[in-house]
């Protein structure tokens, strides 16, 4: 991903792709249907799964690990991180 400030990151979504909204993203054809929401600037898929831009920006600084831990524990994810 390339962000507005021109920083680039590779995001590994695999650790968080579980549950009702995450599991469908494991299918490469479904994952490829991603779009950027024009109002909120989030990555969003047809099943309404989405990732907040700030979470993605800080993914490799620990946000990805935090989300993965929440998914593993079965806790609901805060709307600003992964929303249904």
C-alpha atoms as a PDB file:
ATOM      1  CA  UNK A   1       0.000   0.000   0.000  1.00  0.00           C
ATOM      2  CA  UNK A   2       1.092   3.563  -0.647  1.00  0.00           C
ATOM      3  CA  UNK A   3      -0.259   6.200   1.720  1.00  0.00           C
ATOM      4  CA  UNK A   4      -0.859   9.917   1.170  1.00  0.00           C
ATOM      5  CA  UNK A   5       2.534  10.760   2.682  1.00  0.00           C
ATOM      6  CA  UNK A   6       4.123   8.431   0.078  1.00  0.00           C
ATOM      7  CA  UNK A   7       5.194   5.844   2.667  1.00  0.00           C
ATOM      8  CA  UNK A   8       4.771   2.282   1.465  1.00  0.00           C
ATOM      9  CA  UNK A   9       3.940  -0.862   3.426  1.00  0.00           C
ATOM     10  CA  UNK A  10       3.186  -4.476   2.731  1.00  0.00           C
ATOM     11  CA  UNK A  11       0.229  -5.586   4.830  1.00  0.00           C
ATOM     12  CA  UNK A  12      -0.176  -9.241   5.829  1.00  0.00           C
ATOM     13  CA  UNK A  13      -3.900  -9.661   6.507  1.00  0.00           C
ATOM     14  CA  UNK A  14      -3.712 -13.445   7.040  1.00  0.00           C
ATOM     15  CA  UNK A  15      -3.588 -13.320  10.877  1.00  0.00           C
ATOM     16  CA  UNK A  16      -6.926 -11.449  11.051  1.00  0.00           C
ATOM     17  CA  UNK A  17      -8.942 -13.217   8.353  1.00  0.00           C
ATOM     18  CA  UNK A  18     -11.273 -15.203  10.593  1.00  0.00           C
ATOM     19  CA  UNK A  19     -14.926 -15.036  11.445  1.00  0.00           C
ATOM     20  CA  UNK A  20     -17.962 -13.882   9.542  1.00  0.00           C
ATOM     21  CA  UNK A  21     -16.304 -10.872   7.909  1.00  0.00           C
ATOM     22  CA  UNK A  22     -12.683 -11.980   7.698  1.00  0.00           C
ATOM     23  CA  UNK A  23     -13.008 -15.547   6.433  1.00  0.00           C
ATOM     24  CA  UNK A  24     -14.415 -14.587   2.983  1.00  0.00           C
ATOM     25  CA  UNK A  25     -11.333 -12.404   2.414  1.00  0.00           C
ATOM     26  CA  UNK A  26      -9.224 -15.579   2.285  1.00  0.00           C
ATOM     27  CA  UNK A  27     -10.642 -16.255  -1.189  1.00  0.00           C
ATOM     28  CA  UNK A  28      -8.289 -14.431  -3.607  1.00  0.00           C
ATOM     29  CA  UNK A  29     -11.138 -13.630  -6.014  1.00  0.00           C
ATOM     30  CA  UNK A  30     -13.225 -12.118  -3.241  1.00  0.00           C
ATOM     31  CA  UNK A  31     -10.233 -10.281  -1.756  1.00  0.00           C
ATOM     32  CA  UNK A  32      -9.582  -8.727  -5.174  1.00  0.00           C
ATOM     33  CA  UNK A  33     -12.996  -7.038  -5.001  1.00  0.00           C
ATOM     34  CA  UNK A  34     -11.610  -4.487  -2.540  1.00  0.00           C
ATOM     35  CA  UNK A  35     -12.348  -0.819  -3.114  1.00  0.00           C
ATOM     36  CA  UNK A  36     -11.631   2.417  -1.301  1.00  0.00           C
ATOM     37  CA  UNK A  37     -14.690   3.942   0.301  1.00  0.00           C
ATOM     38  CA  UNK A  38     -14.937   7.483  -1.112  1.00  0.00           C
ATOM     39  CA  UNK A  39     -16.312   8.975   2.108  1.00  0.00           C
ATOM     40  CA  UNK A  40     -14.269   7.249   4.806  1.00  0.00           C
ATOM     41  CA  UNK A  41     -11.133   6.268   2.845  1.00  0.00           C
ATOM     42  CA  UNK A  42     -11.216   2.728   4.205  1.00  0.00           C
ATOM     43  CA  UNK A  43     -10.569  -0.492   2.320  1.00  0.00           C
ATOM     44  CA  UNK A  44     -13.967  -2.158   1.970  1.00  0.00           C
ATOM     45  CA  UNK A  45     -15.246  -5.415   0.497  1.00  0.00           C
ATOM     46  CA  UNK A  46     -18.704  -6.512  -0.728  1.00  0.00           C
ATOM     47  CA  UNK A  47     -19.451  -8.252   2.611  1.00  0.00           C
ATOM     48  CA  UNK A  48     -18.958  -4.890   4.403  1.00  0.00           C
ATOM     49  CA  UNK A  49     -15.638  -5.907   5.944  1.00  0.00           C
ATOM     50  CA  UNK A  50     -13.376  -2.882   6.103  1.00  0.00           C
ATOM     51  CA  UNK A  51     -10.055  -1.728   7.493  1.00  0.00           C
ATOM     52  CA  UNK A  52      -9.539   1.788   8.772  1.00  0.00           C
ATOM     53  CA  UNK A  53      -6.751   3.739   7.032  1.00  0.00           C
ATOM     54  CA  UNK A  54      -5.028   4.668  10.313  1.00  0.00           C
ATOM     55  CA  UNK A  55      -5.007   1.024  11.412  1.00  0.00           C
ATOM     56  CA  UNK A  56      -3.404   0.087   8.101  1.00  0.00           C
ATOM     57  CA  UNK A  57      -0.894   2.936   8.397  1.00  0.00           C
ATOM     58  CA  UNK A  58       0.195   1.638  11.823  1.00  0.00           C
ATOM     59  CA  UNK A  59      -0.213  -2.050  10.939  1.00  0.00           C
ATOM     60  CA  UNK A  60       3.492  -2.850  11.105  1.00  0.00           C
ATOM     61  CA  UNK A  61       3.896  -0.743  14.267  1.00  0.00           C
ATOM     62  CA  UNK A  62       1.677  -3.126  16.233  1.00  0.00           C
ATOM     63  CA  UNK A  63      -1.889  -2.409  15.077  1.00  0.00           C
ATOM     64  CA  UNK A  64      -1.937  -5.616  13.027  1.00  0.00           C
ATOM     65  CA  UNK A  65      -0.709  -7.684  15.970  1.00  0.00           C
ATOM     66  CA  UNK A  66      -3.299  -6.089  18.273  1.00  0.00           C
ATOM     67  CA  UNK A  67      -6.109  -6.880  15.859  1.00  0.00           C
ATOM     68  CA  UNK A  68      -4.859 -10.453  15.390  1.00  0.00           C
ATOM     69  CA  UNK A  69      -4.877 -10.970  19.162  1.00  0.00           C
ATOM     70  CA  UNK A  70      -8.463  -9.702  19.381  1.00  0.00           C
ATOM     71  CA  UNK A  71      -9.537 -12.030  16.582  1.00  0.00           C
ATOM     72  CA  UNK A  72      -7.831 -15.018  18.204  1.00  0.00           C
ATOM     73  CA  UNK A  73      -9.522 -14.296  21.524  1.00  0.00           C
ATOM     74  CA  UNK A  74     -12.889 -14.007  19.800  1.00  0.00           C
ATOM     75  CA  UNK A  75     -13.430 -10.513  21.102  1.00  0.00           C
ATOM     76  CA  UNK A  76     -15.497  -8.139  19.004  1.00  0.00           C
ATOM     77  CA  UNK A  77     -13.309  -5.776  17.048  1.00  0.00           C
ATOM     78  CA  UNK A  78     -13.756  -2.041  17.596  1.00  0.00           C
ATOM     79  CA  UNK A  79     -15.566  -0.435  14.668  1.00  0.00           C
ATOM     80  CA  UNK A  80     -12.569   1.740  13.846  1.00  0.00           C
ATOM     81  CA  UNK A  81     -10.357  -1.311  13.327  1.00  0.00           C
ATOM     82  CA  UNK A  82     -12.550  -3.847  11.524  1.00  0.00           C
ATOM     83  CA  UNK A  83     -16.205  -3.167  11.149  1.00  0.00           C
ATOM     84  CA  UNK A  84     -19.036  -5.401  10.013  1.00  0.00           C
END
